[in-house]
Amino acid sequence: MNEKETPHFSEVFKGPFTADEQSCYIWCNDGTQVCFDVMDERDAALGKRIADCLNDTPGKKTFYDIGVSKDGQYICDGHSPILCVRGWGYLTGTGGLKLTGEQAREIQDEFVRWAAEQLGGFYCGETRLSIAKENIKQRDTLIKFYTDFFAHCQENISALSYDVFECISGCDYLESKGILHNCPVVKRNGKLCIEFTIDGKKHYAEWYRDMKYACCQWTEFEDSYYGYILLPDAEDAKEFEEEGDMLRCFCFWYSC
């Protein structure tokens, strides 16, 4: 192999993949090369489950919330790392492939991405990683929009407002609906609500005084819901307590 050529990760980390009995490592290349450390050694079944996913074994049990750490070294299930990539010495060492650091990094990055796709059960490029990146981009846009919206206020945005974004961090979809003007405060079933109109339809968002936001939500299935969240102007959120008040609100659509 020409030293200047970067091999495909599948030429370096070859299946079938196996786990040791203690579920400490994931092996490749006929059990001669460690490619991952298993981070939770307390779960003896975790290694086999991971190996089944990497081998695309029929009946495999994929993971729901797979992602990759910012440095590309860890594959995580939710917030918990489950795998740490190995093989750097084999890629760059004199007793291994003698690749450059840049080549080794490219191979590891591609291998980790492929492994994450296998564990998450997403193919054809539609991976949870790309979905997560898009969600992060949307939330960054929302936060910037929200910050700009309150730029005229003398005080910083309250921590309570950021709690709203924390609550929706698991949402599959977020969409800014912009600023809504002259939204009246009304009472429905004895509760304060903000009346607003989106796409020609009138809605009512219940006001949560402690969190300083209003929400209207619908449930599609038992574990699936969607709706609108309204964040009033900071000064309006402090003042309004009664029916008839008119608010200016930042609105966005979410679904989970």
Protein backbone atom coordinates (compact mmCIF):
# COMPACT_ATOMS: atom_id res chain seq x y z
CA MET A 1 0.00 0.00 0.00
CA ASN A 2 1.31 3.45 -0.97
CA GLU A 3 2.06 5.49 2.16
CA LYS A 4 0.42 8.57 0.63
CA GLU A 5 -2.89 6.80 0.16
CA THR A 6 -5.39 6.83 2.97
CA PRO A 7 -7.11 3.45 3.25
CA HIS A 8 -10.84 3.24 3.78
CA PHE A 9 -11.73 2.56 7.41
CA SER A 10 -13.27 -0.79 6.41
CA GLU A 11 -9.83 -1.93 5.24
CA VAL A 12 -8.39 -1.11 8.65
CA PHE A 13 -11.18 -2.13 11.03
CA LYS A 14 -12.55 -5.32 9.50
CA GLY A 15 -15.46 -7.37 10.82
CA PRO A 16 -16.78 -9.50 12.19
CA PHE A 17 -16.76 -7.55 15.45
CA THR A 18 -16.74 -9.34 18.79
CA ALA A 19 -16.90 -8.47 22.48
CA ASP A 20 -14.90 -10.13 25.24
CA GLU A 21 -16.75 -11.93 28.01
CA GLN A 22 -16.26 -9.06 30.46
CA SER A 23 -17.63 -6.57 27.90
CA CYS A 24 -14.53 -4.38 28.22
CA TYR A 25 -13.54 -4.17 24.54
CA ILE A 26 -14.88 -4.49 21.01
CA TRP A 27 -12.51 -6.43 18.76
CA CYS A 28 -12.08 -6.53 14.97
CA ASN A 29 -9.72 -8.17 12.47
CA ASP A 30 -10.55 -11.71 13.63
CA GLY A 31 -10.13 -10.77 17.27
CA THR A 32 -6.58 -9.44 16.90
CA GLN A 33 -7.25 -5.69 17.14
CA VAL A 34 -9.15 -3.65 19.74
CA CYS A 35 -11.21 -0.95 18.04
CA PHE A 36 -13.33 0.32 20.95
CA ASP A 37 -13.28 0.44 24.74
CA VAL A 38 -16.70 -0.27 26.23
CA MET A 39 -17.29 2.45 28.80
CA ASP A 40 -19.83 0.70 31.04
CA GLU A 41 -18.22 -2.55 32.11
CA ARG A 42 -21.02 -3.20 34.63
CA ASP A 43 -23.34 -4.20 31.79
CA ALA A 44 -22.11 -7.57 30.55
CA ALA A 45 -24.69 -7.65 27.75
CA LEU A 46 -23.71 -4.24 26.35
CA GLY A 47 -20.67 -5.48 24.42
CA LYS A 48 -22.62 -8.20 22.61
CA ARG A 49 -25.41 -5.77 21.78
CA ILE A 50 -22.87 -3.36 20.28
CA ALA A 51 -21.14 -6.12 18.32
CA ASP A 52 -24.50 -7.30 16.94
CA CYS A 53 -25.22 -3.78 15.70
CA LEU A 54 -21.79 -3.42 14.08
CA ASN A 55 -22.19 -6.81 12.39
CA ASP A 56 -25.76 -5.99 11.34
CA THR A 57 -26.90 -9.21 12.96
CA PRO A 58 -30.59 -10.06 12.34
CA GLY A 59 -32.66 -9.20 15.40
CA LYS A 60 -30.09 -6.69 16.66
CA LYS A 61 -31.28 -4.15 19.23
CA THR A 62 -30.25 -0.66 18.17
CA PHE A 63 -29.88 2.38 20.44
CA TYR A 64 -32.36 5.25 20.41
CA ASP A 65 -30.29 8.36 21.10
CA ILE A 66 -26.84 7.83 19.57
CA GLY A 67 -24.40 10.71 19.14
CA VAL A 68 -20.68 11.46 18.94
CA SER A 69 -18.68 13.65 21.31
CA LYS A 70 -17.27 16.93 20.00
CA ASP A 71 -13.74 15.52 19.82
CA GLY A 72 -14.94 12.47 17.87
CA GLN A 73 -13.51 10.04 20.43
CA TYR A 74 -16.69 8.84 22.12
CA ILE A 75 -19.97 7.39 20.94
CA CYS A 76 -22.73 8.28 23.40
CA ASP A 77 -26.18 6.95 24.15
CA GLY A 78 -27.98 10.07 25.27
CA HIS A 79 -25.55 11.84 27.59
CA SER A 80 -23.68 8.64 28.54
CA PRO A 81 -20.52 7.57 26.65
CA ILE A 82 -20.70 3.88 25.74
CA LEU A 83 -17.67 3.54 23.43
CA CYS A 84 -14.22 5.13 23.12
CA VAL A 85 -12.43 4.62 19.82
CA ARG A 86 -9.05 2.84 19.84
CA GLY A 87 -6.38 2.00 17.30
CA TRP A 88 -4.33 5.21 17.07
CA GLY A 89 -1.09 3.39 17.73
CA TYR A 90 -1.91 0.78 15.09
CA LEU A 91 -2.69 3.52 12.56
CA THR A 92 0.40 5.66 13.17
CA GLY A 93 2.96 3.38 14.86
CA THR A 94 6.09 1.93 13.27
CA GLY A 95 4.73 -1.55 13.97
CA GLY A 96 1.42 -0.66 12.35
CA LEU A 97 0.35 1.23 9.24
CA LYS A 98 2.70 4.22 9.70
CA LEU A 99 0.05 6.71 8.60
CA THR A 100 0.23 10.43 9.27
CA GLY A 101 -1.78 11.91 12.10
CA GLU A 102 -4.11 13.57 9.59
CA GLN A 103 -4.75 10.27 7.82
CA ALA A 104 -5.32 8.45 11.10
CA ARG A 105 -7.77 11.11 12.26
CA GLU A 106 -9.72 10.87 9.00
CA ILE A 107 -9.99 7.08 9.29
CA GLN A 108 -11.06 7.19 12.93
CA ASP A 109 -13.64 9.90 12.26
CA GLU A 110 -15.17 7.93 9.39
CA PHE A 111 -15.11 4.71 11.41
CA VAL A 112 -16.77 6.34 14.43
CA ARG A 113 -19.47 7.91 12.25
CA TRP A 114 -20.17 4.59 10.56
CA ALA A 115 -20.28 2.79 13.92
CA ALA A 116 -22.69 5.42 15.30
CA GLU A 117 -24.96 4.91 12.29
CA GLN A 118 -24.90 1.16 12.85
CA LEU A 119 -25.71 1.52 16.54
CA GLY A 120 -28.52 3.98 15.84
CA GLY A 121 -29.96 1.99 12.95
CA PHE A 122 -29.92 4.93 10.55
CA TYR A 123 -28.82 4.46 6.95
CA CYS A 124 -28.79 6.32 3.61
CA GLY A 125 -27.06 9.29 5.21
CA GLU A 126 -30.04 10.11 7.46
CA THR A 127 -28.27 9.70 10.75
CA ARG A 128 -29.16 10.96 14.21
CA LEU A 129 -25.83 12.82 14.08
CA SER A 130 -26.97 15.01 11.20
CA ILE A 131 -30.39 15.44 12.82
CA ALA A 132 -28.72 16.49 16.07
CA LYS A 133 -26.49 19.00 14.25
CA GLU A 134 -29.55 20.51 12.57
CA ASN A 135 -31.38 20.75 15.90
CA ILE A 136 -28.36 22.45 17.47
CA LYS A 137 -28.27 24.92 14.57
CA GLN A 138 -31.98 25.65 15.03
CA ARG A 139 -31.63 26.18 18.77
CA ASP A 140 -28.64 28.49 18.24
CA THR A 141 -30.77 30.50 15.80
CA LEU A 142 -33.64 30.65 18.28
CA ILE A 143 -31.41 31.78 21.12
CA LYS A 144 -29.83 34.47 18.93
CA PHE A 145 -33.27 35.63 17.81
CA TYR A 146 -34.49 35.62 21.40
CA THR A 147 -31.40 37.55 22.55
CA ASP A 148 -31.84 40.13 19.79
CA PHE A 149 -35.51 40.45 20.67
CA PHE A 150 -34.67 41.47 24.23
CA ALA A 151 -31.67 43.61 23.29
CA HIS A 152 -33.60 46.75 24.23
CA CYS A 153 -33.93 45.55 27.84
CA GLN A 154 -31.49 46.86 30.40
CA GLU A 155 -31.21 43.53 32.19
CA ASN A 156 -29.91 40.21 30.95
CA ILE A 157 -32.27 37.46 29.88
CA SER A 158 -33.29 35.61 33.02
CA ALA A 159 -32.10 32.08 33.71
CA LEU A 160 -35.75 31.06 33.81
CA SER A 161 -36.04 31.85 30.13
CA TYR A 162 -33.16 29.56 29.29
CA ASP A 163 -34.94 26.81 31.23
CA VAL A 164 -37.50 26.84 28.44
CA PHE A 165 -34.82 25.89 25.94
CA GLU A 166 -33.52 23.24 28.30
CA CYS A 167 -37.02 21.74 28.45
CA ILE A 168 -37.17 21.40 24.67
CA SER A 169 -33.61 20.15 24.18
CA GLY A 170 -34.98 16.74 23.22
CA CYS A 171 -37.36 18.08 20.57
CA ASP A 172 -37.15 16.60 17.09
CA TYR A 173 -38.12 19.83 15.38
CA LEU A 174 -38.06 23.55 16.22
CA GLU A 175 -39.20 26.41 14.02
CA SER A 176 -39.22 30.11 14.75
CA LYS A 177 -42.54 31.84 14.03
CA GLY A 178 -41.15 35.28 14.71
CA ILE A 179 -42.58 38.10 16.82
CA LEU A 180 -46.34 38.33 17.36
CA HIS A 181 -47.74 41.77 18.22
CA ASN A 182 -50.82 42.74 20.22
CA CYS A 183 -51.59 39.31 21.69
CA PRO A 184 -54.45 39.73 24.20
CA VAL A 185 -54.48 38.14 27.63
CA VAL A 186 -57.72 36.23 28.22
CA LYS A 187 -59.12 33.81 30.78
CA ARG A 188 -60.16 30.30 29.76
CA ASN A 189 -61.40 27.80 32.30
CA GLY A 190 -60.23 30.11 35.06
CA LYS A 191 -56.64 30.26 33.75
CA LEU A 192 -54.74 33.16 32.20
CA CYS A 193 -53.93 32.49 28.55
CA ILE A 194 -52.35 34.40 25.68
CA GLU A 195 -54.52 34.49 22.58
CA PHE A 196 -52.59 34.43 19.30
CA THR A 197 -53.14 33.72 15.62
CA ILE A 198 -50.84 31.64 13.40
CA ASP A 199 -51.59 30.91 9.73
CA GLY A 200 -55.09 32.29 10.12
CA LYS A 201 -55.96 30.04 13.10
CA LYS A 202 -56.62 31.29 16.62
CA HIS A 203 -54.94 29.50 19.52
CA TYR A 204 -54.71 29.92 23.30
CA ALA A 205 -51.46 29.36 25.19
CA GLU A 206 -51.68 28.81 28.95
CA TRP A 207 -49.50 31.19 30.97
CA TYR A 208 -46.92 29.69 33.35
CA ARG A 209 -46.13 32.55 35.70
CA ASP A 210 -43.05 31.05 37.38
CA MET A 211 -41.33 30.27 34.08
CA LYS A 212 -42.54 33.42 32.28
CA TYR A 213 -43.75 31.61 29.18
CA ALA A 214 -47.00 30.35 27.67
CA CYS A 215 -47.62 27.04 25.92
CA CYS A 216 -50.34 25.27 23.99
CA GLN A 217 -49.71 21.62 23.24
CA TRP A 218 -51.39 18.74 21.47
CA THR A 219 -50.72 15.03 21.83
CA GLU A 220 -50.57 12.89 18.70
CA PHE A 221 -49.61 9.61 20.33
CA GLU A 222 -48.92 8.61 23.92
CA ASP A 223 -45.27 9.69 23.66
CA SER A 224 -45.52 12.25 20.83
CA TYR A 225 -46.62 15.86 21.19
CA TYR A 226 -46.32 19.24 19.49
CA GLY A 227 -47.37 22.83 19.94
CA TYR A 228 -46.38 26.48 20.32
CA ILE A 229 -44.39 28.26 23.01
CA LEU A 230 -44.73 32.01 23.47
CA LEU A 231 -42.15 34.15 25.25
CA PRO A 232 -43.49 37.62 26.05
CA ASP A 233 -41.41 40.75 26.04
CA ALA A 234 -39.50 40.82 29.32
CA GLU A 235 -41.24 43.97 30.55
CA ASP A 236 -44.67 42.65 29.55
CA ALA A 237 -43.98 39.36 31.31
CA LYS A 238 -43.35 41.28 34.53
CA GLU A 239 -46.40 43.50 34.30
CA PHE A 240 -49.35 41.55 32.99
CA GLU A 241 -51.66 39.91 35.50
CA GLU A 242 -55.14 40.55 34.12
CA GLU A 243 -57.36 40.02 31.14
CA GLY A 244 -57.17 42.67 28.47
CA ASP A 245 -53.41 43.23 28.58
CA MET A 246 -51.79 43.23 25.14
CA LEU A 247 -48.43 41.50 24.72
CA ARG A 248 -45.65 41.26 22.22
CA CYS A 249 -44.34 37.67 22.10
CA PHE A 250 -41.65 35.63 20.44
CA CYS A 251 -43.24 32.41 19.17
CA PHE A 252 -41.87 29.08 18.02
CA TRP A 253 -43.28 25.71 17.01
CA TYR A 254 -41.90 22.47 18.44
CA SER A 255 -42.56 18.76 18.12
CA CYS A 256 -41.19 15.85 20.15
